[in-house]
């Protein structure tokens, strides 16, 4: 969709750019850029960052659960424990 000035919206430009990138690159490309992004994030954030996002993710998943108790550790608890064991 374009606006009245025949200019492409940011949303449309992003979508088209993403589609073109997907056509021109394979799975390994996305794995490589994902790894680079993960390394950059790791360099810029400490242990507390990962603990916080782990706890938030665990809480969000716990809120999505249907309340059944199957004897397994809750995702919230697993996120908290996993964040606490981070080596950063």
N, C-alpha and C. Protein backbone atom coordinates (compact mmCIF):
# COMPACT_ATOMS: atom_id res chain seq x y z
N UNK A 1 0.85 -1.18 0.00
CA UNK A 1 0.00 0.00 0.00
C UNK A 1 0.89 1.24 0.00
N UNK A 2 0.52 2.22 -0.77
CA UNK A 2 1.28 3.47 -0.83
C UNK A 2 0.40 4.61 -0.38
N UNK A 3 1.05 5.70 0.04
CA UNK A 3 0.25 6.85 0.45
C UNK A 3 -0.03 7.76 -0.74
N UNK A 4 -0.57 8.90 -0.51
CA UNK A 4 -1.00 9.78 -1.60
C UNK A 4 0.15 10.31 -2.45
N UNK A 5 1.35 10.37 -1.92
CA UNK A 5 2.49 10.90 -2.66
C UNK A 5 3.21 9.82 -3.46
N UNK A 6 2.60 8.66 -3.63
CA UNK A 6 3.20 7.52 -4.33
C UNK A 6 4.50 7.07 -3.70
N UNK A 7 4.67 7.36 -2.42
CA UNK A 7 5.83 6.89 -1.68
C UNK A 7 5.44 5.63 -0.93
N UNK A 8 6.39 4.74 -0.79
CA UNK A 8 6.16 3.49 -0.09
C UNK A 8 6.19 3.75 1.43
N UNK A 9 5.30 3.12 2.15
CA UNK A 9 5.31 3.24 3.60
C UNK A 9 6.50 2.46 4.16
N UNK A 10 6.90 2.78 5.38
CA UNK A 10 8.00 2.05 6.03
C UNK A 10 7.64 0.58 6.17
N UNK A 11 6.39 0.33 6.51
CA UNK A 11 5.93 -1.05 6.67
C UNK A 11 6.08 -1.82 5.36
N UNK A 12 5.65 -1.21 4.27
CA UNK A 12 5.73 -1.86 2.96
C UNK A 12 7.18 -2.05 2.53
N UNK A 13 8.01 -1.04 2.76
CA UNK A 13 9.42 -1.13 2.40
C UNK A 13 10.10 -2.25 3.19
N UNK A 14 9.79 -2.34 4.47
CA UNK A 14 10.36 -3.40 5.30
C UNK A 14 9.93 -4.77 4.86
N UNK A 15 8.66 -4.90 4.53
CA UNK A 15 8.14 -6.18 4.07
C UNK A 15 8.81 -6.60 2.77
N UNK A 16 8.89 -5.67 1.82
CA UNK A 16 9.52 -5.99 0.53
C UNK A 16 11.00 -6.31 0.70
N UNK A 17 11.67 -5.55 1.56
CA UNK A 17 13.08 -5.82 1.81
C UNK A 17 13.29 -7.19 2.43
N UNK A 18 12.43 -7.55 3.36
CA UNK A 18 12.51 -8.87 3.99
C UNK A 18 12.25 -9.99 3.00
N UNK A 19 11.28 -9.79 2.13
CA UNK A 19 10.99 -10.81 1.12
C UNK A 19 12.17 -10.99 0.16
N UNK A 20 12.78 -9.87 -0.26
CA UNK A 20 13.92 -9.93 -1.16
C UNK A 20 15.11 -10.62 -0.48
N UNK A 21 15.34 -10.27 0.77
CA UNK A 21 16.44 -10.90 1.51
C UNK A 21 16.20 -12.41 1.61
N UNK A 22 14.98 -12.81 1.90
CA UNK A 22 14.65 -14.24 2.02
C UNK A 22 14.88 -14.97 0.71
N UNK A 23 14.61 -14.32 -0.40
CA UNK A 23 14.81 -14.95 -1.71
C UNK A 23 16.29 -15.09 -2.04
N UNK A 24 17.12 -14.18 -1.55
CA UNK A 24 18.54 -14.14 -1.92
C UNK A 24 19.46 -14.87 -0.96
N UNK A 25 18.96 -15.29 0.20
CA UNK A 25 19.83 -15.90 1.20
C UNK A 25 19.23 -17.21 1.71
N UNK A 26 20.11 -18.07 2.20
CA UNK A 26 19.67 -19.38 2.69
C UNK A 26 19.68 -19.43 4.22
N UNK A 27 19.40 -20.62 4.72
CA UNK A 27 19.31 -20.85 6.16
C UNK A 27 20.61 -20.47 6.87
N UNK A 28 21.74 -20.79 6.28
CA UNK A 28 23.04 -20.50 6.91
C UNK A 28 23.24 -19.00 7.11
N UNK A 29 22.76 -18.18 6.19
CA UNK A 29 22.86 -16.73 6.32
C UNK A 29 22.16 -16.26 7.59
N UNK A 30 20.95 -16.75 7.80
CA UNK A 30 20.18 -16.35 8.98
C UNK A 30 20.81 -16.89 10.26
N UNK A 31 21.37 -18.09 10.20
CA UNK A 31 22.06 -18.63 11.37
C UNK A 31 23.27 -17.77 11.72
N UNK A 32 24.01 -17.35 10.71
CA UNK A 32 25.21 -16.54 10.95
C UNK A 32 24.86 -15.18 11.54
N UNK A 33 23.87 -14.51 10.98
CA UNK A 33 23.54 -13.19 11.52
C UNK A 33 22.90 -13.31 12.90
N UNK A 34 22.19 -14.41 13.15
CA UNK A 34 21.64 -14.64 14.48
C UNK A 34 22.74 -14.85 15.51
N UNK A 35 23.76 -15.59 15.12
CA UNK A 35 24.88 -15.82 16.04
C UNK A 35 25.63 -14.51 16.30
N UNK A 36 25.85 -13.72 15.27
CA UNK A 36 26.53 -12.43 15.45
C UNK A 36 25.72 -11.52 16.38
N UNK A 37 24.41 -11.52 16.21
CA UNK A 37 23.56 -10.71 17.07
C UNK A 37 23.60 -11.18 18.50
N UNK A 38 23.60 -12.48 18.69
CA UNK A 38 23.69 -13.03 20.04
C UNK A 38 25.00 -12.69 20.71
N UNK A 39 26.08 -12.75 19.94
CA UNK A 39 27.40 -12.40 20.49
C UNK A 39 27.46 -10.93 20.87
N UNK A 40 26.90 -10.07 20.01
CA UNK A 40 26.90 -8.63 20.30
C UNK A 40 26.07 -8.34 21.55
N UNK A 41 24.92 -9.00 21.67
CA UNK A 41 24.09 -8.81 22.85
C UNK A 41 24.83 -9.26 24.10
N UNK A 42 25.51 -10.39 24.00
CA UNK A 42 26.27 -10.92 25.13
C UNK A 42 27.38 -9.96 25.56
N UNK A 43 28.02 -9.33 24.60
CA UNK A 43 29.09 -8.38 24.92
C UNK A 43 28.56 -7.11 25.56
N UNK A 44 27.34 -6.73 25.23
CA UNK A 44 26.77 -5.47 25.70
C UNK A 44 25.94 -5.59 26.97
N UNK A 45 25.60 -6.81 27.39
CA UNK A 45 24.74 -7.00 28.55
C UNK A 45 25.35 -8.03 29.48
N UNK A 46 25.10 -7.87 30.75
CA UNK A 46 25.64 -8.78 31.75
C UNK A 46 24.65 -9.84 32.19
N UNK A 47 25.03 -10.55 33.21
CA UNK A 47 24.25 -11.65 33.76
C UNK A 47 22.84 -11.20 34.15
N UNK A 48 22.73 -10.02 34.74
CA UNK A 48 21.43 -9.53 35.20
C UNK A 48 20.44 -9.38 34.05
N UNK A 49 20.92 -8.98 32.89
CA UNK A 49 20.06 -8.82 31.72
C UNK A 49 19.40 -10.16 31.38
N UNK A 50 20.21 -11.22 31.33
CA UNK A 50 19.68 -12.53 30.98
C UNK A 50 18.77 -13.08 32.07
N UNK A 51 19.08 -12.80 33.32
CA UNK A 51 18.20 -13.22 34.40
C UNK A 51 16.84 -12.54 34.28
N UNK A 52 16.87 -11.25 33.99
CA UNK A 52 15.62 -10.49 33.88
C UNK A 52 14.76 -10.98 32.73
N UNK A 53 15.36 -11.19 31.55
CA UNK A 53 14.53 -11.64 30.43
C UNK A 53 14.08 -13.08 30.63
N UNK A 54 14.89 -13.88 31.32
CA UNK A 54 14.46 -15.24 31.63
C UNK A 54 13.27 -15.26 32.56
N UNK A 55 13.31 -14.40 33.56
CA UNK A 55 12.19 -14.31 34.50
C UNK A 55 10.93 -13.80 33.80
N UNK A 56 11.09 -12.78 32.96
CA UNK A 56 9.93 -12.24 32.25
C UNK A 56 9.32 -13.29 31.33
N UNK A 57 10.17 -14.02 30.63
CA UNK A 57 9.68 -15.08 29.75
C UNK A 57 8.99 -16.18 30.53
N UNK A 58 9.57 -16.54 31.66
CA UNK A 58 8.95 -17.57 32.50
C UNK A 58 7.60 -17.13 33.04
N UNK A 59 7.51 -15.88 33.45
CA UNK A 59 6.24 -15.36 33.95
C UNK A 59 5.19 -15.32 32.85
N UNK A 60 5.60 -14.90 31.66
CA UNK A 60 4.65 -14.83 30.55
C UNK A 60 4.12 -16.22 30.20
N UNK A 61 5.01 -17.20 30.16
CA UNK A 61 4.59 -18.56 29.85
C UNK A 61 3.70 -19.12 30.95
N UNK A 62 4.04 -18.82 32.19
CA UNK A 62 3.22 -19.30 33.30
C UNK A 62 1.81 -18.73 33.20
N UNK A 63 1.69 -17.50 32.76
CA UNK A 63 0.38 -16.87 32.62
C UNK A 63 -0.41 -17.48 31.47
N UNK A 64 0.26 -18.12 30.53
CA UNK A 64 -0.42 -18.75 29.39
C UNK A 64 -0.89 -20.17 29.71
N UNK A 65 -0.32 -20.74 30.73
CA UNK A 65 -0.65 -22.14 31.06
C UNK A 65 -2.11 -22.27 31.48
N UNK A 66 -2.61 -23.45 31.31
CA UNK A 66 -4.02 -23.68 31.63
C UNK A 66 -4.25 -24.07 33.09
N UNK A 67 -3.20 -24.11 33.87
CA UNK A 67 -3.33 -24.41 35.28
C UNK A 67 -3.21 -25.88 35.61
N UNK A 68 -3.00 -26.73 34.62
CA UNK A 68 -2.85 -28.16 34.93
C UNK A 68 -1.51 -28.41 35.60
N UNK A 69 -1.48 -29.32 36.54
CA UNK A 69 -0.25 -29.65 37.27
C UNK A 69 0.15 -31.06 36.90
N UNK A 70 1.16 -31.18 36.05
CA UNK A 70 1.59 -32.50 35.60
C UNK A 70 2.87 -32.95 36.31
N UNK A 71 3.25 -32.30 37.40
CA UNK A 71 4.42 -32.70 38.16
C UNK A 71 5.73 -32.13 37.63
N UNK A 72 5.68 -31.40 36.54
CA UNK A 72 6.90 -30.82 35.97
C UNK A 72 7.15 -29.44 36.56
N UNK A 73 8.40 -29.01 36.47
CA UNK A 73 8.77 -27.68 36.92
C UNK A 73 8.07 -26.65 36.02
N UNK A 74 7.56 -25.59 36.63
CA UNK A 74 6.92 -24.56 35.83
C UNK A 74 7.95 -23.85 34.97
N UNK A 75 7.53 -23.28 33.90
CA UNK A 75 8.44 -22.56 33.02
C UNK A 75 9.00 -21.33 33.72
N UNK A 76 8.17 -20.72 34.58
CA UNK A 76 8.64 -19.57 35.35
C UNK A 76 9.81 -19.98 36.25
N UNK A 77 9.65 -21.13 36.92
CA UNK A 77 10.71 -21.61 37.80
C UNK A 77 11.95 -21.99 37.00
N UNK A 78 11.75 -22.63 35.86
CA UNK A 78 12.88 -23.00 35.00
C UNK A 78 13.61 -21.77 34.50
N UNK A 79 12.88 -20.74 34.12
CA UNK A 79 13.51 -19.49 33.67
C UNK A 79 14.32 -18.84 34.78
N UNK A 80 13.77 -18.86 35.98
CA UNK A 80 14.46 -18.27 37.13
C UNK A 80 15.73 -19.07 37.43
N UNK A 81 15.62 -20.40 37.43
CA UNK A 81 16.78 -21.24 37.71
C UNK A 81 17.81 -21.11 36.59
N UNK A 82 17.37 -21.09 35.36
CA UNK A 82 18.30 -20.95 34.24
C UNK A 82 19.01 -19.62 34.26
N UNK A 83 18.31 -18.55 34.59
CA UNK A 83 18.92 -17.23 34.69
C UNK A 83 19.93 -17.17 35.81
N UNK A 84 19.67 -17.88 36.89
CA UNK A 84 20.59 -17.89 38.03
C UNK A 84 21.87 -18.65 37.76
N UNK A 85 21.85 -19.55 36.78
CA UNK A 85 23.03 -20.35 36.46
C UNK A 85 23.86 -19.74 35.35
N UNK A 86 23.44 -18.60 34.82
CA UNK A 86 24.19 -17.96 33.74
C UNK A 86 25.61 -17.68 34.18
N UNK A 87 26.54 -17.85 33.26
CA UNK A 87 27.95 -17.65 33.60
C UNK A 87 28.45 -16.24 33.35
N UNK A 88 27.63 -15.37 32.89
CA UNK A 88 28.05 -13.99 32.61
C UNK A 88 27.91 -13.14 33.81
